[in-house]
N, C-alpha and C. Protein backbone atom coordinates (compact mmCIF):
# COMPACT_ATOMS: atom_id res chain seq x y z
N UNK A 1 0.84 -1.18 0.00
CA UNK A 1 0.00 0.00 0.00
C UNK A 1 0.89 1.25 0.00
N UNK A 2 0.60 2.16 -0.90
CA UNK A 2 1.33 3.42 -0.96
C UNK A 2 0.84 4.34 0.14
N UNK A 3 1.76 4.90 0.88
CA UNK A 3 1.41 5.78 1.99
C UNK A 3 1.49 7.24 1.54
N UNK A 4 0.53 8.03 1.98
CA UNK A 4 0.56 9.47 1.74
C UNK A 4 1.35 10.11 2.88
N UNK A 5 2.42 10.80 2.51
CA UNK A 5 3.30 11.42 3.50
C UNK A 5 3.16 12.93 3.42
N UNK A 6 2.92 13.54 4.57
CA UNK A 6 2.82 14.99 4.69
C UNK A 6 3.93 15.46 5.62
N UNK A 7 4.74 16.40 5.14
CA UNK A 7 5.80 16.99 5.96
C UNK A 7 5.38 18.41 6.31
N UNK A 8 5.43 18.71 7.59
CA UNK A 8 5.16 20.06 8.07
C UNK A 8 6.52 20.67 8.40
N UNK A 9 6.93 21.64 7.60
CA UNK A 9 8.21 22.32 7.83
C UNK A 9 7.98 23.45 8.82
N UNK A 10 8.56 23.30 10.01
CA UNK A 10 8.35 24.27 11.07
C UNK A 10 9.48 25.25 11.26
N UNK A 11 10.41 25.32 10.31
CA UNK A 11 11.49 26.30 10.44
C UNK A 11 10.93 27.70 10.20
N UNK A 12 11.19 28.65 11.08
CA UNK A 12 10.59 29.97 10.94
C UNK A 12 11.15 30.79 9.78
N UNK A 13 12.31 30.42 9.25
CA UNK A 13 12.90 31.15 8.13
C UNK A 13 13.74 30.18 7.31
N UNK A 14 13.06 29.31 6.60
CA UNK A 14 13.73 28.22 5.90
C UNK A 14 14.75 28.72 4.88
N UNK A 15 14.48 29.84 4.26
CA UNK A 15 15.40 30.38 3.25
C UNK A 15 16.80 30.61 3.84
N UNK A 16 16.87 30.96 5.11
CA UNK A 16 18.16 31.21 5.76
C UNK A 16 18.70 30.01 6.51
N UNK A 17 18.05 28.88 6.37
CA UNK A 17 18.51 27.66 7.04
C UNK A 17 19.42 26.89 6.11
N UNK A 18 20.49 26.39 6.64
CA UNK A 18 21.31 25.47 5.87
C UNK A 18 20.79 24.04 6.09
N UNK A 19 20.68 23.65 7.34
CA UNK A 19 20.36 22.26 7.68
C UNK A 19 18.97 21.83 7.23
N UNK A 20 17.94 22.51 7.67
CA UNK A 20 16.58 22.08 7.36
C UNK A 20 16.26 22.21 5.87
N UNK A 21 16.82 23.21 5.23
CA UNK A 21 16.62 23.37 3.79
C UNK A 21 17.21 22.18 3.02
N UNK A 22 18.40 21.75 3.41
CA UNK A 22 19.04 20.60 2.75
C UNK A 22 18.22 19.33 2.99
N UNK A 23 17.79 19.12 4.23
CA UNK A 23 17.01 17.92 4.55
C UNK A 23 15.74 17.86 3.72
N UNK A 24 15.00 18.96 3.67
CA UNK A 24 13.75 18.96 2.91
C UNK A 24 13.98 18.79 1.42
N UNK A 25 14.99 19.45 0.90
CA UNK A 25 15.28 19.33 -0.54
C UNK A 25 15.63 17.88 -0.90
N UNK A 26 16.52 17.28 -0.11
CA UNK A 26 16.94 15.90 -0.38
C UNK A 26 15.79 14.92 -0.19
N UNK A 27 15.00 15.11 0.85
CA UNK A 27 13.86 14.23 1.09
C UNK A 27 12.87 14.30 -0.08
N UNK A 28 12.64 15.50 -0.56
CA UNK A 28 11.72 15.66 -1.69
C UNK A 28 12.26 15.00 -2.95
N UNK A 29 13.57 15.01 -3.14
CA UNK A 29 14.16 14.31 -4.28
C UNK A 29 14.00 12.80 -4.13
N UNK A 30 14.13 12.30 -2.90
CA UNK A 30 13.99 10.87 -2.66
C UNK A 30 12.54 10.40 -2.72
N UNK A 31 11.64 11.26 -2.31
CA UNK A 31 10.20 10.94 -2.29
C UNK A 31 9.42 12.07 -2.98
N UNK A 32 9.46 12.12 -4.30
CA UNK A 32 8.86 13.25 -5.00
C UNK A 32 7.35 13.40 -4.80
N UNK A 33 6.67 12.35 -4.35
CA UNK A 33 5.22 12.43 -4.17
C UNK A 33 4.80 12.93 -2.79
N UNK A 34 5.76 13.13 -1.90
CA UNK A 34 5.36 13.62 -0.58
C UNK A 34 4.92 15.07 -0.70
N UNK A 35 4.08 15.47 0.23
CA UNK A 35 3.60 16.86 0.26
C UNK A 35 4.29 17.57 1.40
N UNK A 36 4.70 18.80 1.14
CA UNK A 36 5.36 19.61 2.17
C UNK A 36 4.57 20.89 2.37
N UNK A 37 4.26 21.17 3.62
CA UNK A 37 3.62 22.43 4.01
C UNK A 37 4.70 23.27 4.67
N UNK A 38 5.06 24.38 4.03
CA UNK A 38 6.10 25.28 4.53
C UNK A 38 5.43 26.36 5.38
N UNK A 39 5.46 26.16 6.69
CA UNK A 39 4.75 27.09 7.56
C UNK A 39 5.27 28.51 7.44
N UNK A 40 6.57 28.68 7.19
CA UNK A 40 7.10 30.04 7.07
C UNK A 40 6.53 30.76 5.85
N UNK A 41 5.95 30.02 4.92
CA UNK A 41 5.34 30.63 3.72
C UNK A 41 3.82 30.79 3.84
N UNK A 42 3.18 29.91 4.60
CA UNK A 42 1.71 29.91 4.60
C UNK A 42 1.09 30.59 5.83
N UNK A 43 1.89 30.85 6.86
CA UNK A 43 1.35 31.54 8.03
C UNK A 43 1.41 33.04 7.76
N UNK A 44 0.28 33.70 7.94
CA UNK A 44 0.20 35.14 7.73
C UNK A 44 -0.25 35.80 9.02
N UNK A 45 0.59 36.66 9.55
CA UNK A 45 0.29 37.33 10.82
C UNK A 45 -0.09 36.35 11.92
N UNK A 46 0.59 35.21 11.93
CA UNK A 46 0.36 34.20 12.95
C UNK A 46 -0.86 33.33 12.70
N UNK A 47 -1.58 33.57 11.62
CA UNK A 47 -2.82 32.84 11.35
C UNK A 47 -2.64 31.86 10.19
N UNK A 48 -3.37 30.76 10.28
CA UNK A 48 -3.39 29.72 9.26
C UNK A 48 -4.81 29.53 8.75
N UNK A 49 -4.93 28.91 7.60
CA UNK A 49 -6.23 28.44 7.14
C UNK A 49 -6.41 27.07 7.80
N UNK A 50 -7.09 27.05 8.91
CA UNK A 50 -7.20 25.84 9.73
C UNK A 50 -7.84 24.70 8.94
N UNK A 51 -8.90 24.98 8.20
CA UNK A 51 -9.56 23.93 7.43
C UNK A 51 -8.61 23.33 6.41
N UNK A 52 -7.85 24.16 5.72
CA UNK A 52 -6.89 23.66 4.73
C UNK A 52 -5.83 22.78 5.39
N UNK A 53 -5.34 23.20 6.54
CA UNK A 53 -4.31 22.42 7.24
C UNK A 53 -4.89 21.10 7.76
N UNK A 54 -6.09 21.14 8.29
CA UNK A 54 -6.72 19.91 8.77
C UNK A 54 -7.01 18.96 7.63
N UNK A 55 -7.45 19.48 6.49
CA UNK A 55 -7.69 18.63 5.32
C UNK A 55 -6.40 17.95 4.87
N UNK A 56 -5.28 18.69 4.88
CA UNK A 56 -3.99 18.10 4.49
C UNK A 56 -3.62 16.97 5.44
N UNK A 57 -3.87 17.15 6.73
CA UNK A 57 -3.58 16.11 7.71
C UNK A 57 -4.47 14.88 7.51
N UNK A 58 -5.73 15.10 7.18
CA UNK A 58 -6.65 13.98 6.98
C UNK A 58 -6.26 13.13 5.78
N UNK A 59 -5.67 13.74 4.76
CA UNK A 59 -5.23 13.01 3.57
C UNK A 59 -3.98 12.17 3.83
N UNK A 60 -3.24 12.50 4.87
CA UNK A 60 -1.96 11.84 5.13
C UNK A 60 -2.13 10.57 5.94
N UNK A 61 -1.25 9.61 5.65
CA UNK A 61 -1.12 8.43 6.49
C UNK A 61 0.00 8.64 7.50
N UNK A 62 1.04 9.35 7.05
CA UNK A 62 2.21 9.63 7.87
C UNK A 62 2.43 11.14 7.88
N UNK A 63 2.59 11.71 9.06
CA UNK A 63 2.87 13.13 9.22
C UNK A 63 4.28 13.25 9.81
N UNK A 64 5.08 14.11 9.19
CA UNK A 64 6.43 14.38 9.66
C UNK A 64 6.52 15.84 10.06
N UNK A 65 6.94 16.10 11.27
CA UNK A 65 7.26 17.46 11.68
C UNK A 65 8.77 17.62 11.49
N UNK A 66 9.17 18.51 10.58
CA UNK A 66 10.59 18.78 10.33
C UNK A 66 10.88 20.17 10.88
N UNK A 67 11.86 20.26 11.79
CA UNK A 67 12.10 21.55 12.44
C UNK A 67 13.47 21.57 13.12
N UNK A 68 13.96 22.77 13.40
CA UNK A 68 15.13 22.90 14.26
C UNK A 68 14.66 22.94 15.72
N UNK A 69 15.36 22.28 16.59
CA UNK A 69 15.04 22.34 18.01
C UNK A 69 15.33 23.77 18.49
N UNK A 70 14.30 24.45 18.99
CA UNK A 70 14.46 25.82 19.50
C UNK A 70 14.21 25.81 21.00
N UNK A 71 15.18 26.17 21.75
CA UNK A 71 15.06 26.17 23.20
C UNK A 71 14.47 24.85 23.69
N UNK A 72 14.97 23.76 23.07
CA UNK A 72 14.68 22.39 23.50
C UNK A 72 13.24 21.98 23.27
N UNK A 73 12.61 22.58 22.26
CA UNK A 73 11.23 22.27 21.93
C UNK A 73 10.95 22.65 20.47
N UNK A 74 9.66 22.68 20.14
CA UNK A 74 9.25 23.15 18.82
C UNK A 74 9.58 24.63 18.67
N UNK A 75 9.88 25.09 17.44
CA UNK A 75 9.94 26.53 17.21
C UNK A 75 8.54 27.12 17.42
N UNK A 76 8.45 28.39 17.74
CA UNK A 76 7.16 29.04 18.00
C UNK A 76 6.20 28.86 16.82
N UNK A 77 6.71 28.90 15.60
CA UNK A 77 5.87 28.74 14.42
C UNK A 77 5.17 27.38 14.41
N UNK A 78 5.89 26.33 14.74
CA UNK A 78 5.30 24.99 14.77
C UNK A 78 4.38 24.83 15.98
N UNK A 79 4.74 25.41 17.10
CA UNK A 79 3.87 25.37 18.28
C UNK A 79 2.56 26.08 17.99
N UNK A 80 2.63 27.21 17.30
CA UNK A 80 1.43 27.95 16.90
C UNK A 80 0.55 27.08 15.99
N UNK A 81 1.18 26.35 15.07
CA UNK A 81 0.46 25.44 14.19
C UNK A 81 -0.30 24.40 15.03
N UNK A 82 0.39 23.80 15.98
CA UNK A 82 -0.27 22.82 16.86
C UNK A 82 -1.44 23.44 17.60
N UNK A 83 -1.23 24.63 18.14
CA UNK A 83 -2.29 25.30 18.90
C UNK A 83 -3.52 25.58 18.05
N UNK A 84 -3.32 25.95 16.79
CA UNK A 84 -4.45 26.31 15.93
C UNK A 84 -5.09 25.12 15.21
N UNK A 85 -4.30 24.12 14.89
CA UNK A 85 -4.79 23.03 14.03
C UNK A 85 -5.15 21.78 14.81
N UNK A 86 -4.39 21.44 15.82
CA UNK A 86 -4.62 20.21 16.59
C UNK A 86 -5.67 20.49 17.67
N UNK A 87 -6.90 20.67 17.24
CA UNK A 87 -7.99 21.06 18.14
C UNK A 87 -8.76 19.86 18.66
N UNK A 88 -9.47 20.08 19.78
CA UNK A 88 -10.35 19.06 20.34
C UNK A 88 -11.41 18.70 19.31
N UNK A 89 -11.68 17.42 19.17
CA UNK A 89 -12.65 16.96 18.19
C UNK A 89 -12.03 16.73 16.82
N UNK A 90 -10.82 17.22 16.64
CA UNK A 90 -10.10 16.94 15.40
C UNK A 90 -8.87 16.09 15.71
N UNK A 91 -7.98 16.62 16.52
CA UNK A 91 -6.73 15.91 16.82
C UNK A 91 -6.84 15.02 18.05
N UNK A 92 -7.70 15.36 18.95
CA UNK A 92 -7.83 14.57 20.18
C UNK A 92 -9.27 14.64 20.66
N UNK A 93 -9.57 13.81 21.64
CA UNK A 93 -10.93 13.72 22.15
C UNK A 93 -11.63 12.50 21.57
N UNK A 94 -12.89 12.33 21.92
CA UNK A 94 -13.60 11.12 21.51
C UNK A 94 -13.80 11.02 20.00
N UNK A 95 -13.68 12.13 19.29
CA UNK A 95 -13.84 12.12 17.82
C UNK A 95 -12.51 12.43 17.13
N UNK A 96 -11.42 12.01 17.73
CA UNK A 96 -10.09 12.29 17.18
C UNK A 96 -9.98 11.73 15.76
N UNK A 97 -9.73 12.61 14.82
CA UNK A 97 -9.67 12.21 13.41
C UNK A 97 -8.26 11.83 12.98
N UNK A 98 -7.28 12.06 13.84
CA UNK A 98 -5.90 11.71 13.49
C UNK A 98 -5.49 10.36 14.08
N UNK A 99 -6.39 9.76 14.84
CA UNK A 99 -6.09 8.47 15.48
C UNK A 99 -5.65 7.45 14.44
N UNK A 100 -4.58 6.75 14.75
CA UNK A 100 -4.07 5.70 13.89
C UNK A 100 -3.04 6.17 12.88
N UNK A 101 -2.99 7.47 12.61
CA UNK A 101 -1.97 7.99 11.70
C UNK A 101 -0.62 7.97 12.41
N UNK A 102 0.46 8.00 11.67
CA UNK A 102 1.80 8.00 12.24
C UNK A 102 2.33 9.43 12.28
N UNK A 103 2.94 9.79 13.40
CA UNK A 103 3.59 11.09 13.54
C UNK A 103 5.06 10.87 13.85
N UNK A 104 5.90 11.41 13.00
CA UNK A 104 7.35 11.27 13.15
C UNK A 104 7.96 12.65 13.29
N UNK A 105 8.77 12.83 14.30
CA UNK A 105 9.47 14.09 14.51
C UNK A 105 10.88 13.98 13.93
N UNK A 106 11.22 14.91 13.08
CA UNK A 106 12.54 14.96 12.47
C UNK A 106 13.10 16.35 12.76
N UNK A 107 14.21 16.38 13.48
CA UNK A 107 14.71 17.69 13.88
C UNK A 107 16.23 17.78 13.88
N UNK A 108 16.67 19.01 13.83
CA UNK A 108 18.09 19.32 13.93
C UNK A 108 18.31 20.06 15.24
N UNK A 109 19.49 19.89 15.78
CA UNK A 109 19.87 20.60 17.00
C UNK A 109 21.20 21.30 16.74
N UNK A 110 21.31 22.51 17.20
CA UNK A 110 22.54 23.26 16.99
C UNK A 110 23.70 22.74 17.82
N UNK A 111 23.42 22.33 19.04
CA UNK A 111 24.48 21.85 19.94
C UNK A 111 25.01 20.50 19.47
N UNK A 112 26.29 20.25 19.73
CA UNK A 112 26.85 18.94 19.36
C UNK A 112 26.26 17.84 20.25
N UNK A 113 26.34 16.61 19.80
CA UNK A 113 25.74 15.49 20.53
C UNK A 113 26.31 15.36 21.95
N UNK A 114 27.58 15.73 22.15
CA UNK A 114 28.18 15.62 23.49
C UNK A 114 27.46 16.50 24.51
N UNK A 115 26.82 17.56 24.05
CA UNK A 115 26.10 18.46 24.97
C UNK A 115 24.88 17.78 25.57
N UNK A 116 24.34 16.79 24.86
CA UNK A 116 23.13 16.10 25.29
C UNK A 116 23.48 14.85 26.09
N UNK A 117 23.95 15.06 27.29
CA UNK A 117 24.24 13.96 28.21
C UNK A 117 24.21 14.52 29.62
N UNK A 118 24.18 13.62 30.60
CA UNK A 118 24.16 14.08 31.99
C UNK A 118 25.40 14.88 32.35
N UNK A 119 26.51 14.58 31.67
CA UNK A 119 27.76 15.31 31.94
C UNK A 119 27.98 16.46 30.96
N UNK A 120 27.12 16.57 29.96
CA UNK A 120 27.24 17.65 28.98
C UNK A 120 26.65 18.94 29.51
N UNK A 121 26.82 19.99 28.76
CA UNK A 121 26.35 21.32 29.20
C UNK A 121 24.83 21.36 29.41
N UNK A 122 24.08 20.52 28.69
CA UNK A 122 22.62 20.52 28.82
C UNK A 122 22.13 19.57 29.90
N UNK A 123 23.00 18.73 30.42
CA UNK A 123 22.76 17.84 31.56
C UNK A 123 21.62 16.84 31.38
N UNK A 124 21.21 16.62 30.14
CA UNK A 124 20.15 15.65 29.84
C UNK A 124 20.43 15.02 28.49
N UNK A 125 20.10 13.74 28.35
CA UNK A 125 20.17 13.14 27.01
C UNK A 125 19.08 13.72 26.13
N UNK A 126 19.29 13.69 24.84
CA UNK A 126 18.33 14.31 23.93
C UNK A 126 16.94 13.68 24.04
N UNK A 127 16.89 12.41 24.43
CA UNK A 127 15.59 11.76 24.61
C UNK A 127 14.71 12.45 25.62
N UNK A 128 15.31 13.08 26.63
CA UNK A 128 14.51 13.81 27.62
C UNK A 128 13.72 14.95 26.98
N UNK A 129 14.30 15.54 25.94
CA UNK A 129 13.65 16.68 25.29
C UNK A 129 12.54 16.24 24.34
N UNK A 130 12.47 14.95 24.05
CA UNK A 130 11.44 14.47 23.13
C UNK A 130 10.17 13.98 23.84
N UNK A 131 10.18 14.00 25.16
CA UNK A 131 9.00 13.53 25.91
C UNK A 131 7.74 14.30 25.51
N UNK A 132 7.76 15.63 25.39
CA UNK A 132 6.53 16.32 24.95
C UNK A 132 6.06 15.87 23.56
N UNK A 133 6.99 15.51 22.68
CA UNK A 133 6.61 15.02 21.35
C UNK A 133 5.87 13.69 21.48
N UNK A 134 6.38 12.83 22.37
CA UNK A 134 5.73 11.53 22.59
C UNK A 134 4.34 11.72 23.18
N UNK A 135 4.23 12.60 24.16
CA UNK A 135 2.95 12.82 24.83
C UNK A 135 1.92 13.38 23.85
N UNK A 136 2.33 14.34 23.03
CA UNK A 136 1.42 14.90 22.02
C UNK A 136 0.93 13.81 21.08
N UNK A 137 1.85 12.99 20.59
CA UNK A 137 1.50 11.91 19.66
C UNK A 137 0.52 10.94 20.32
N UNK A 138 0.82 10.53 21.53
CA UNK A 138 -0.04 9.58 22.24
C UNK A 138 -1.41 10.19 22.55
N UNK A 139 -1.43 11.45 22.94
CA UNK A 139 -2.69 12.10 23.29
C UNK A 139 -3.61 12.18 22.07
N UNK A 140 -3.02 12.30 20.89
CA UNK A 140 -3.80 12.34 19.65
C UNK A 140 -4.10 10.94 19.10
N UNK A 141 -3.73 9.91 19.87
CA UNK A 141 -3.94 8.52 19.48
C UNK A 141 -3.26 8.18 18.16
N UNK A 142 -2.14 8.87 17.91
CA UNK A 142 -1.35 8.61 16.71
C UNK A 142 -0.24 7.63 17.07
N UNK A 143 0.36 7.05 16.06
CA UNK A 143 1.46 6.11 16.26
C UNK A 143 2.76 6.90 16.40
N UNK A 144 3.45 6.68 17.51
CA UNK A 144 4.72 7.36 17.74
C UNK A 144 5.86 6.55 17.13
N UNK A 145 6.75 7.23 16.45
CA UNK A 145 7.95 6.63 15.90
C UNK A 145 9.12 7.40 16.50
N UNK A 146 10.17 6.69 16.89
CA UNK A 146 11.34 7.37 17.42
C UNK A 146 11.80 8.45 16.45
N UNK A 147 12.16 9.63 16.96
CA UNK A 147 12.52 10.72 16.07
C UNK A 147 13.83 10.46 15.32
N UNK A 148 13.94 11.14 14.20
CA UNK A 148 15.19 11.19 13.44
C UNK A 148 15.77 12.57 13.73
N UNK A 149 16.98 12.60 14.23
CA UNK A 149 17.56 13.90 14.57
C UNK A 149 19.06 13.91 14.28
N UNK A 150 19.56 15.12 14.15
CA UNK A 150 20.99 15.32 13.92
C UNK A 150 21.45 16.50 14.76
N UNK A 151 22.48 16.29 15.54
CA UNK A 151 23.05 17.34 16.38
C UNK A 151 24.21 18.03 15.65
N UNK A 152 24.61 19.18 16.17
CA UNK A 152 25.76 19.90 15.62
C UNK A 152 25.46 20.56 14.29
N UNK A 153 24.25 21.09 14.14
CA UNK A 153 23.83 21.67 12.86
C UNK A 153 23.81 23.19 12.85
N UNK A 154 24.39 23.80 13.84
CA UNK A 154 24.39 25.27 13.89
C UNK A 154 25.37 25.82 12.86
N UNK A 155 24.86 26.67 11.98
CA UNK A 155 25.71 27.33 10.99
C UNK A 155 25.31 28.80 10.94
N UNK A 156 26.27 29.66 11.22
CA UNK A 156 26.05 31.10 11.16
C UNK A 156 27.02 31.67 10.12
N UNK A 157 26.48 32.20 9.01
CA UNK A 157 27.36 32.78 8.00
C UNK A 157 28.24 33.88 8.60
N UNK A 158 29.41 34.03 8.09
CA UNK A 158 30.41 35.01 8.53
C UNK A 158 31.01 34.68 9.89
N UNK A 159 30.56 33.61 10.51
CA UNK A 159 31.18 33.14 11.75
C UNK A 159 31.77 31.76 11.51
N UNK A 160 30.98 30.90 10.90
CA UNK A 160 31.46 29.55 10.58
C UNK A 160 32.12 29.55 9.21
N UNK A 161 32.99 28.58 9.00
CA UNK A 161 33.75 28.49 7.76
C UNK A 161 33.00 27.68 6.70
N UNK A 162 33.54 27.70 5.49
CA UNK A 162 32.99 26.86 4.42
C UNK A 162 33.13 25.39 4.78
N UNK A 163 34.22 25.06 5.46
CA UNK A 163 34.41 23.67 5.91
C UNK A 163 33.31 23.28 6.89
N UNK A 164 32.95 24.19 7.79
CA UNK A 164 31.82 23.93 8.71
C UNK A 164 30.54 23.68 7.92
N UNK A 165 30.30 24.52 6.92
CA UNK A 165 29.10 24.38 6.10
C UNK A 165 29.09 23.03 5.38
N UNK A 166 30.22 22.63 4.87
CA UNK A 166 30.31 21.35 4.17
C UNK A 166 30.00 20.19 5.12
N UNK A 167 30.56 20.23 6.34
CA UNK A 167 30.31 19.17 7.31
C UNK A 167 28.83 19.09 7.70
N UNK A 168 28.21 20.24 7.88
CA UNK A 168 26.78 20.26 8.21
C UNK A 168 25.96 19.74 7.03
N UNK A 169 26.34 20.13 5.83
CA UNK A 169 25.65 19.64 4.64
C UNK A 169 25.71 18.12 4.58
N UNK A 170 26.86 17.55 4.84
CA UNK A 170 27.00 16.08 4.83
C UNK A 170 26.14 15.44 5.91
N UNK A 171 26.12 16.03 7.10
CA UNK A 171 25.27 15.51 8.18
C UNK A 171 23.80 15.53 7.78
N UNK A 172 23.40 16.61 7.12
CA UNK A 172 21.99 16.78 6.78
C UNK A 172 21.57 15.88 5.61
N UNK A 173 22.47 15.64 4.68
CA UNK A 173 22.17 14.67 3.63
C UNK A 173 22.00 13.29 4.25
N UNK A 174 22.86 12.96 5.19
CA UNK A 174 22.74 11.69 5.91
C UNK A 174 21.41 11.64 6.67
N UNK A 175 21.05 12.73 7.30
CA UNK A 175 19.77 12.82 8.03
C UNK A 175 18.61 12.54 7.08
N UNK A 176 18.60 13.17 5.92
CA UNK A 176 17.52 12.98 4.95
C UNK A 176 17.43 11.52 4.52
N UNK A 177 18.57 10.87 4.35
CA UNK A 177 18.56 9.46 3.94
C UNK A 177 18.08 8.55 5.07
N UNK A 178 18.43 8.89 6.32
CA UNK A 178 17.90 8.11 7.45
C UNK A 178 16.40 8.29 7.57
N UNK A 179 15.93 9.53 7.37
CA UNK A 179 14.50 9.81 7.41
C UNK A 179 13.78 9.07 6.30
N UNK A 180 14.34 9.09 5.11
CA UNK A 180 13.78 8.36 3.98
C UNK A 180 13.65 6.87 4.32
N UNK A 181 14.71 6.28 4.86
CA UNK A 181 14.67 4.86 5.21
C UNK A 181 13.59 4.57 6.23
N UNK A 182 13.44 5.45 7.19
CA UNK A 182 12.40 5.27 8.21
C UNK A 182 11.01 5.35 7.56
N UNK A 183 10.82 6.32 6.70
CA UNK A 183 9.51 6.51 6.06
C UNK A 183 9.14 5.33 5.16
N UNK A 184 10.07 4.81 4.40
CA UNK A 184 9.70 3.70 3.51
C UNK A 184 9.52 2.40 4.27
N UNK A 185 10.01 2.35 5.53
CA UNK A 185 9.82 1.14 6.32
C UNK A 185 8.47 1.13 7.05
N UNK A 186 7.81 2.26 7.11
CA UNK A 186 6.53 2.36 7.83
C UNK A 186 5.38 1.78 7.02
């Protein structure tokens, strides 16, 4: 059975992103039939066409949230999307329409992987930061899949070198291929 895949791009300024832009571009090349909703393009003054977004979710079998980890959570743009679109009677409650669909979180983190440990600067493994993602998925009666993530993706032009950009690009191409493998296995 062919699965309908919907990717929600939650980067607030994808044009200026190195990591998330590469992941989405490569994923789209690997899976040309997937649909991508670019929140940075479709949100106007913080508002969405809720019906259009809910219809896109209803058509999907698999939903992917693609985003950079911002302050150890969703970026505000993606959180706003959840607040407006994942409503009672649609996403959760006795008439949850997303029940049974798969939700996969795919994200990048600026900090290196060593930072995500009890002895690292963040004092927690990265899995601790994904608990709200798991709870949201479960509350909506959706199928939770372990996230696909890549650490060390911070790139700031005029601060980082071309070599840094190349290394991040390689990490993100690898990320897209891991995400692709996960999606085709579902």
